[in-house]
Amino acid sequence: MCKKLITIGIPTFNRREVILKHVNYLLTLNLPTYIDVLIIDNNSSDGSYDAVVSLVKDNDNFKILKNKKNIGV
């Protein structure tokens, strides 16, 4: 297993189309295994979380978290 050296953090809240655009772009890059992409959903109500989970479910570079409540900035 490769040690993760770089983490890209992307917070999101109710920006489904924007986050999907960015994730799709990152998927085209074929990121090396030492890079993690951490997406933190701040309890979106627009389906952002489920859409991203579905999109990256087979990609080990992506980790997705969803806050149980909106915690603000």
Protein backbone atom coordinates (compact mmCIF):
# COMPACT_ATOMS: atom_id res chain seq x y z
CA MET A 1 0.00 0.00 0.00
CA CYS A 2 1.29 3.44 -0.94
CA LYS A 3 1.63 6.08 1.74
CA LYS A 4 -0.59 9.10 1.05
CA LEU A 5 1.56 12.20 0.77
CA ILE A 6 -0.90 14.81 -0.51
CA THR A 7 -4.50 15.47 0.45
CA ILE A 8 -6.71 17.82 -1.53
CA GLY A 9 -9.62 19.05 0.61
CA ILE A 10 -12.84 20.24 -1.03
CA PRO A 11 -15.67 21.53 1.18
CA THR A 12 -19.14 21.77 -0.35
CA PHE A 13 -22.67 22.82 0.54
CA ASN A 14 -25.59 22.64 -1.90
CA ARG A 15 -23.39 22.99 -4.97
CA ARG A 16 -24.17 19.66 -6.62
CA GLU A 17 -23.41 20.68 -10.21
CA VAL A 18 -20.21 22.50 -9.24
CA ILE A 19 -18.81 19.65 -7.14
CA LEU A 20 -19.67 17.10 -9.84
CA LYS A 21 -17.86 19.22 -12.43
CA HIS A 22 -14.73 19.35 -10.26
CA VAL A 23 -14.82 15.66 -9.35
CA ASN A 24 -15.27 14.68 -13.00
CA TYR A 25 -12.24 16.78 -13.88
CA LEU A 26 -10.15 15.19 -11.12
CA LEU A 27 -11.18 11.74 -12.35
CA THR A 28 -9.79 12.53 -15.81
CA LEU A 29 -6.36 13.19 -14.28
CA ASN A 30 -5.82 9.57 -13.20
CA LEU A 31 -4.34 10.76 -9.91
CA PRO A 32 -1.38 8.83 -8.54
CA THR A 33 -2.06 6.61 -5.53
CA TYR A 34 -0.18 8.94 -3.15
CA ILE A 35 -2.87 11.64 -3.56
CA ASP A 36 -6.13 11.66 -1.59
CA VAL A 37 -9.10 13.86 -2.42
CA LEU A 38 -11.20 14.55 0.67
CA ILE A 39 -14.66 15.96 -0.02
CA ILE A 40 -16.56 17.27 2.99
CA ASP A 41 -20.27 17.84 2.48
CA ASN A 42 -21.74 20.27 5.01
CA ASN A 43 -25.12 18.48 5.14
CA SER A 44 -26.32 19.53 1.67
CA SER A 45 -29.98 19.05 0.82
CA ASP A 46 -29.52 19.02 -2.97
CA GLY A 47 -28.19 15.46 -3.35
CA SER A 48 -24.53 16.51 -3.58
CA TYR A 49 -23.30 13.80 -1.24
CA ASP A 50 -25.09 10.89 -2.92
CA ALA A 51 -24.09 12.09 -6.39
CA VAL A 52 -20.40 12.29 -5.45
CA VAL A 53 -20.45 8.93 -3.67
CA SER A 54 -21.95 7.32 -6.76
CA LEU A 55 -19.40 8.96 -9.04
CA VAL A 56 -16.27 7.94 -7.10
CA LYS A 57 -17.36 4.66 -5.53
CA ASP A 58 -14.69 2.66 -7.37
CA ASN A 59 -11.84 5.15 -6.94
CA ASP A 60 -9.57 4.74 -3.92
CA ASN A 61 -8.22 8.29 -4.20
CA PHE A 62 -11.50 9.79 -2.99
CA LYS A 63 -12.86 9.96 0.56
CA ILE A 64 -16.25 11.58 1.18
CA LEU A 65 -17.55 12.79 4.53
CA LYS A 66 -20.96 14.25 5.32
CA ASN A 67 -21.59 16.35 8.39
CA LYS A 68 -24.72 15.36 10.34
CA LYS A 69 -25.66 19.02 10.52
CA ASN A 70 -24.52 22.21 8.82
CA ILE A 71 -21.67 23.52 10.94
CA GLY A 72 -21.00 26.65 8.89
CA VAL A 73 -17.60 27.88 7.84
